[in-house]
Amino acid sequence: MTDKDHQPLISVIIPTYNRERYILEAVNSVLSQTYGNIELIVVDDGSTDQTKELIGSVRDPRLDYYRIDHIGHISSVRNIGLERCGGEYIAFLDSDDVWKRDKLAKQLNYLNQTEANAVISSYDILDSDETIETKLINPESNQNGSQYILQNLLMNTISIYISTALIHCSVLKDVKGFSTTTSISEVDFIGRILVHHKTVVYLDSLVTIRKHQANISSQTTILNLFKEKFKMIDDLHDNGHIDRSTYNQSIINHIYSCLMQGKHELKMAEKFSLFVDCHKIRPMSLKHFFMLTRSLI
């Protein structure tokens, strides 16, 4: 497609709060896309830095800057962006992440080829020390994309970021918006898409995810974060979306991750409680003892 009039409109939502260091790079990575028929909705959650002035310096009619009083909950900010969308397709970009120039064009073409309603991509992780690591999401050719992604998401063997996603607007009829009652709203949102809609993986990395101390995800305690993940897994099982075997292994894998990531944060009683939970699912496994021991070192 070369004629803009024959291209479906893609709405892009950037929620932001005090990201003056990164916001222009994120905005420019959207406005410089090779796919031109977009509307960019920047929802500013009452920033107190120079975000407003920086966005004001951008002269592009496709940019819609919307400033609100500070809410402090990114799910609510994203939902406000969704309310302002008019596109047939919707994409999300966190204000400290960056897209490659052909991200939208490649993903839209792939959706058309596969007749799917949602697509995610591999991505690069940019650490605070400026090192870059590519994370490939590569389902086997004979596997269903949705099932592969959901299973690996629950097994905690892959991480998915909303900045990599492109969805058809019809998806929202089933998944609605982002949950405002969980600290893992991004994972929850993606999980609900996987359950209800055909989702495919674009293998190439199309997004750079920036990791730094001000990331919202780094501001949640390890135990509370994993309690939310355990609840998500429980709900999927209770609603018949995953079988008992997947449920058991998912819980165990997440407990292992919690023990390792929280080895310096969790109290001894909390670690032992997690160990007991593993024992209830799979009694007397030597790996449970090994993971508990590692968390104590």
Protein backbone atom coordinates (compact mmCIF):
# COMPACT_ATOMS: atom_id res chain seq x y z
CA MET A 1 0.00 0.00 0.00
CA THR A 2 1.41 3.38 -0.99
CA ASP A 3 -1.63 5.60 -1.05
CA LYS A 4 -2.41 6.92 2.44
CA ASP A 5 -6.13 7.09 1.63
CA HIS A 6 -6.19 3.31 1.24
CA GLN A 7 -4.36 2.61 4.49
CA PRO A 8 -6.32 1.88 7.68
CA LEU A 9 -5.77 4.38 10.46
CA ILE A 10 -3.55 3.18 13.31
CA SER A 11 -4.00 4.85 16.69
CA VAL A 12 -0.87 4.94 18.83
CA ILE A 13 -1.09 5.59 22.57
CA ILE A 14 1.84 6.90 24.61
CA PRO A 15 1.15 7.36 28.33
CA THR A 16 3.76 9.50 30.05
CA TYR A 17 4.73 11.05 33.35
CA ASN A 18 7.92 13.05 33.89
CA ARG A 19 9.81 11.44 31.03
CA GLU A 20 11.43 14.57 29.63
CA ARG A 21 14.64 12.61 29.12
CA TYR A 22 13.03 10.09 26.77
CA ILE A 23 9.68 11.40 25.52
CA LEU A 24 10.85 13.07 22.31
CA GLU A 25 12.74 9.98 21.18
CA ALA A 26 9.60 7.90 21.72
CA VAL A 27 7.36 10.40 19.91
CA ASN A 28 9.74 10.77 16.98
CA SER A 29 10.01 7.00 16.62
CA VAL A 30 6.25 6.96 15.99
CA LEU A 31 6.00 10.00 13.75
CA SER A 32 8.92 8.79 11.61
CA GLN A 33 7.31 5.41 10.87
CA THR A 34 7.36 4.31 7.25
CA TYR A 35 3.62 3.70 7.68
CA GLY A 36 2.08 7.16 7.56
CA ASN A 37 -1.63 6.96 8.36
CA ILE A 38 -1.43 7.20 12.14
CA GLU A 39 -2.76 9.29 14.97
CA LEU A 40 -0.47 9.63 17.97
CA ILE A 41 -2.22 10.18 21.29
CA VAL A 42 0.11 11.27 24.09
CA VAL A 43 -1.65 11.21 27.45
CA ASP A 44 0.37 13.23 29.96
CA ASP A 45 -0.40 12.21 33.53
CA GLY A 46 0.21 15.70 34.95
CA SER A 47 3.97 15.82 34.40
CA THR A 48 5.84 18.43 36.45
CA ASP A 49 8.95 18.48 34.25
CA GLN A 50 9.38 19.90 30.73
CA THR A 51 7.22 17.26 29.01
CA LYS A 52 4.52 19.74 27.95
CA GLU A 53 7.03 22.15 26.43
CA LEU A 54 8.91 19.39 24.64
CA ILE A 55 5.74 17.95 23.11
CA GLY A 56 4.66 21.46 22.19
CA SER A 57 7.78 21.82 20.07
CA VAL A 58 6.65 18.97 17.80
CA ARG A 59 4.84 20.25 14.71
CA ASP A 60 2.87 17.34 13.31
CA PRO A 61 -0.93 17.34 12.80
CA ARG A 62 -1.04 13.62 13.64
CA LEU A 63 -0.03 14.35 17.25
CA ASP A 64 -2.77 14.73 19.87
CA TYR A 65 -1.37 15.87 23.22
CA TYR A 66 -3.81 15.40 26.10
CA ARG A 67 -2.82 16.52 29.58
CA ILE A 68 -4.72 15.30 32.65
CA ASP A 69 -4.47 15.80 36.40
CA HIS A 70 -2.05 13.33 37.92
CA ILE A 71 -3.59 9.87 38.48
CA GLY A 72 -0.47 7.86 39.14
CA HIS A 73 -1.86 4.66 37.61
CA ILE A 74 -0.64 3.83 34.12
CA SER A 75 -3.63 1.56 33.38
CA SER A 76 -6.03 4.47 33.88
CA VAL A 77 -3.84 6.67 31.67
CA ARG A 78 -3.77 4.04 28.91
CA ASN A 79 -7.57 3.66 29.15
CA ILE A 80 -7.99 7.41 28.67
CA GLY A 81 -5.91 7.04 25.52
CA LEU A 82 -8.12 4.18 24.34
CA GLU A 83 -11.19 6.40 24.75
CA ARG A 84 -9.65 8.93 22.34
CA CYS A 85 -8.72 6.35 19.67
CA GLY A 86 -10.37 6.40 16.27
CA GLY A 87 -8.18 3.92 14.43
CA GLU A 88 -8.99 0.52 13.02
CA TYR A 89 -5.79 -0.71 14.65
CA ILE A 90 -4.27 0.25 17.98
CA ALA A 91 -0.66 0.21 19.15
CA PHE A 92 0.97 1.17 22.42
CA LEU A 93 4.35 2.68 23.21
CA ASP A 94 5.69 3.44 26.66
CA SER A 95 7.35 6.84 26.78
CA ASP A 96 10.80 5.42 27.51
CA ASP A 97 10.71 2.84 24.71
CA VAL A 98 11.51 3.26 21.01
CA TRP A 99 10.16 1.70 17.81
CA LYS A 100 12.13 0.81 14.72
CA ARG A 101 10.97 2.80 11.69
CA ASP A 102 9.18 -0.08 9.98
CA LYS A 103 7.48 -1.52 13.07
CA LEU A 104 3.90 -0.67 12.12
CA ALA A 105 4.28 -1.48 8.42
CA LYS A 106 5.74 -4.92 9.06
CA GLN A 107 3.23 -5.84 11.74
CA LEU A 108 0.20 -4.67 9.76
CA ASN A 109 1.32 -6.63 6.71
CA TYR A 110 1.84 -9.70 8.89
CA LEU A 111 -1.64 -9.38 10.41
CA ASN A 112 -3.12 -9.26 6.93
CA GLN A 113 -1.13 -12.32 5.85
CA THR A 114 -2.06 -14.41 8.88
CA GLU A 115 -5.63 -13.11 9.32
CA ALA A 116 -4.92 -12.57 13.00
CA ASN A 117 -6.30 -9.84 15.25
CA ALA A 118 -3.15 -9.20 17.27
CA VAL A 119 0.59 -9.40 16.78
CA ILE A 120 3.58 -9.02 19.07
CA SER A 121 7.25 -8.94 18.16
CA SER A 122 10.65 -9.77 19.52
CA TYR A 123 12.47 -6.86 21.10
CA ASP A 124 15.79 -5.47 22.30
CA ILE A 125 16.49 -4.71 25.97
CA LEU A 126 18.59 -1.57 26.54
CA ASP A 127 20.02 -1.69 30.07
CA SER A 128 21.09 1.31 32.13
CA ASP A 129 24.73 0.57 31.21
CA GLU A 130 23.76 0.93 27.51
CA THR A 131 24.19 -2.77 26.71
CA ILE A 132 21.64 -4.24 24.31
CA GLU A 133 20.27 -7.78 24.41
CA THR A 134 17.84 -9.11 21.82
CA LYS A 135 14.96 -11.21 23.13
CA LEU A 136 13.60 -13.49 20.41
CA ILE A 137 10.10 -14.92 20.65
CA ASN A 138 10.17 -17.84 18.25
CA PRO A 139 7.25 -20.29 18.27
CA GLU A 140 7.69 -23.52 16.37
CA SER A 141 6.12 -23.35 12.91
CA ASN A 142 3.52 -25.97 13.79
CA GLN A 143 2.39 -24.24 16.97
CA ASN A 144 -0.55 -21.90 17.40
CA GLY A 145 0.78 -18.46 18.22
CA SER A 146 -1.75 -17.68 20.95
CA GLN A 147 -1.24 -21.00 22.73
CA TYR A 148 2.55 -20.75 22.51
CA ILE A 149 2.65 -17.21 23.85
CA LEU A 150 0.17 -17.88 26.66
CA GLN A 151 1.89 -21.07 27.77
CA ASN A 152 5.34 -19.47 27.84
CA LEU A 153 4.01 -16.32 29.46
CA LEU A 154 2.53 -18.44 32.24
CA MET A 155 5.62 -20.63 32.51
CA ASN A 156 7.60 -17.42 33.00
CA THR A 157 9.95 -18.38 30.16
CA ILE A 158 9.26 -15.23 28.12
CA SER A 159 8.30 -11.64 28.87
CA ILE A 160 5.95 -9.69 26.61
CA TYR A 161 5.83 -5.89 26.50
CA ILE A 162 2.81 -3.88 25.40
CA SER A 163 5.11 -1.66 23.31
CA THR A 164 5.56 -4.60 20.91
CA ALA A 165 1.83 -5.12 20.26
CA LEU A 166 -0.49 -4.13 17.42
CA ILE A 167 -4.16 -5.08 17.76
CA HIS A 168 -7.34 -4.72 15.73
CA CYS A 169 -9.91 -2.49 17.41
CA SER A 170 -12.39 -5.41 17.55
CA VAL A 171 -10.17 -6.97 20.24
CA LEU A 172 -11.39 -4.39 22.72
CA LYS A 173 -14.94 -5.73 22.53
CA ASP A 174 -13.75 -8.81 24.41
CA VAL A 175 -10.84 -7.61 26.53
CA LYS A 176 -12.16 -4.09 27.20
CA GLY A 177 -9.35 -1.93 28.57
CA PHE A 178 -6.53 -2.27 31.05
CA SER A 179 -7.37 -3.45 34.55
CA THR A 180 -7.01 -0.76 37.22
CA THR A 181 -7.07 -3.27 40.09
CA THR A 182 -3.85 -5.16 39.41
CA SER A 183 -0.18 -4.25 39.35
CA ILE A 184 0.37 -6.48 36.30
CA SER A 185 -2.19 -4.83 34.04
CA GLU A 186 0.07 -5.13 31.00
CA VAL A 187 0.48 -8.90 31.36
CA ASP A 188 -3.20 -9.26 32.27
CA PHE A 189 -4.26 -7.33 29.15
CA ILE A 190 -2.04 -9.43 26.89
CA GLY A 191 -3.25 -12.63 28.57
CA ARG A 192 -6.90 -11.78 27.88
CA ILE A 193 -6.08 -11.07 24.23
CA LEU A 194 -4.37 -14.46 23.94
CA VAL A 195 -7.41 -16.23 25.36
CA HIS A 196 -9.95 -14.58 23.07
CA HIS A 197 -8.15 -13.73 19.83
CA LYS A 198 -5.73 -15.23 17.35
CA THR A 199 -2.34 -13.71 18.10
CA VAL A 200 0.83 -14.15 16.07
CA VAL A 201 4.51 -13.44 16.65
CA TYR A 202 6.64 -11.33 14.34
CA LEU A 203 10.07 -12.84 14.89
CA ASP A 204 12.29 -9.84 14.18
CA SER A 205 12.98 -7.30 16.92
CA LEU A 206 10.97 -4.15 16.22
CA VAL A 207 11.16 -2.36 19.59
CA THR A 208 13.81 -1.24 22.06
CA ILE A 209 12.70 -1.60 25.68
CA ARG A 210 14.66 0.68 27.98
CA LYS A 211 15.40 -0.59 31.49
CA HIS A 212 16.18 1.92 34.25
CA GLN A 213 15.45 2.54 37.91
CA ALA A 214 12.45 4.76 37.18
CA ASN A 215 10.56 1.96 35.38
CA ILE A 216 7.09 1.53 36.87
CA SER A 217 7.60 -2.22 37.10
CA SER A 218 10.63 -1.68 39.37
CA GLN A 219 8.51 0.19 41.91
CA THR A 220 6.38 -2.83 42.93
CA THR A 221 7.56 -5.23 45.64
CA ILE A 222 8.55 -8.66 44.38
CA LEU A 223 6.06 -10.56 46.52
CA ASN A 224 3.10 -8.33 45.61
CA LEU A 225 4.00 -8.59 41.93
CA PHE A 226 4.03 -12.37 42.03
CA LYS A 227 0.83 -12.55 44.11
CA GLU A 228 -0.88 -10.78 41.20
CA LYS A 229 0.64 -13.28 38.77
CA PHE A 230 -0.56 -16.21 40.91
CA LYS A 231 -4.08 -14.73 40.88
CA MET A 232 -3.99 -14.38 37.08
CA ILE A 233 -2.97 -18.04 36.72
CA ASP A 234 -5.72 -19.08 39.16
CA ASP A 235 -8.35 -17.15 37.18
CA LEU A 236 -7.26 -18.65 33.86
CA HIS A 237 -7.50 -22.14 35.33
CA ASP A 238 -10.83 -21.51 37.04
CA ASN A 239 -12.29 -20.23 33.75
CA GLY A 240 -11.08 -23.29 31.83
CA HIS A 241 -8.46 -21.51 29.72
CA ILE A 242 -5.54 -23.67 30.91
CA ASP A 243 -5.40 -27.29 32.07
CA ARG A 244 -4.27 -28.51 35.48
CA SER A 245 -0.82 -29.53 34.29
CA THR A 246 -0.11 -26.08 32.83
CA TYR A 247 -1.51 -24.50 35.99
CA ASN A 248 0.74 -26.54 38.30
CA GLN A 249 3.90 -25.93 36.29
CA SER A 250 3.10 -22.23 35.90
CA ILE A 251 2.69 -21.76 39.65
CA ILE A 252 5.91 -23.63 40.39
CA ASN A 253 7.92 -21.69 37.79
CA HIS A 254 6.62 -18.38 39.14
CA ILE A 255 7.48 -19.39 42.71
CA TYR A 256 11.02 -20.24 41.59
CA SER A 257 11.29 -16.84 39.90
CA CYS A 258 9.92 -15.11 42.98
CA LEU A 259 12.48 -16.84 45.20
CA MET A 260 15.36 -15.87 42.93
CA GLN A 261 14.30 -12.30 42.18
CA GLY A 262 13.33 -11.68 45.79
CA LYS A 263 16.23 -13.45 47.50
CA HIS A 264 17.40 -10.20 49.12
CA GLU A 265 13.91 -8.77 49.68
CA LEU A 266 11.79 -11.67 50.95
CA LYS A 267 11.78 -12.60 54.61
CA MET A 268 12.65 -16.14 55.65
CA ALA A 269 9.02 -16.89 56.53
CA GLU A 270 7.89 -15.73 53.07
CA LYS A 271 10.47 -17.92 51.35
CA PHE A 272 9.46 -20.94 53.41
CA SER A 273 5.77 -20.32 52.65
CA LEU A 274 6.54 -20.33 48.92
CA PHE A 275 8.53 -23.55 49.36
CA VAL A 276 5.51 -25.16 51.09
CA ASP A 277 3.26 -24.08 48.19
CA CYS A 278 5.61 -25.87 45.77
CA HIS A 279 5.61 -28.95 47.99
CA LYS A 280 1.79 -29.06 47.92
CA ILE A 281 1.78 -29.14 44.13
CA ARG A 282 4.70 -31.51 43.62
CA PRO A 283 5.72 -33.20 46.90
CA MET A 284 9.34 -33.93 47.77
CA SER A 285 10.87 -32.55 44.59
CA LEU A 286 14.60 -32.01 45.06
CA LYS A 287 14.40 -28.92 42.87
CA HIS A 288 12.17 -27.21 45.49
CA PHE A 289 14.90 -27.68 48.10
CA PHE A 290 17.55 -26.53 45.63
CA MET A 291 15.67 -23.30 44.78
CA LEU A 292 14.97 -22.55 48.45
CA THR A 293 18.65 -23.07 49.27
CA ARG A 294 19.74 -20.79 46.43
CA SER A 295 17.42 -18.05 47.68
CA LEU A 296 19.16 -18.16 51.06
CA ILE A 297 22.69 -17.73 49.74
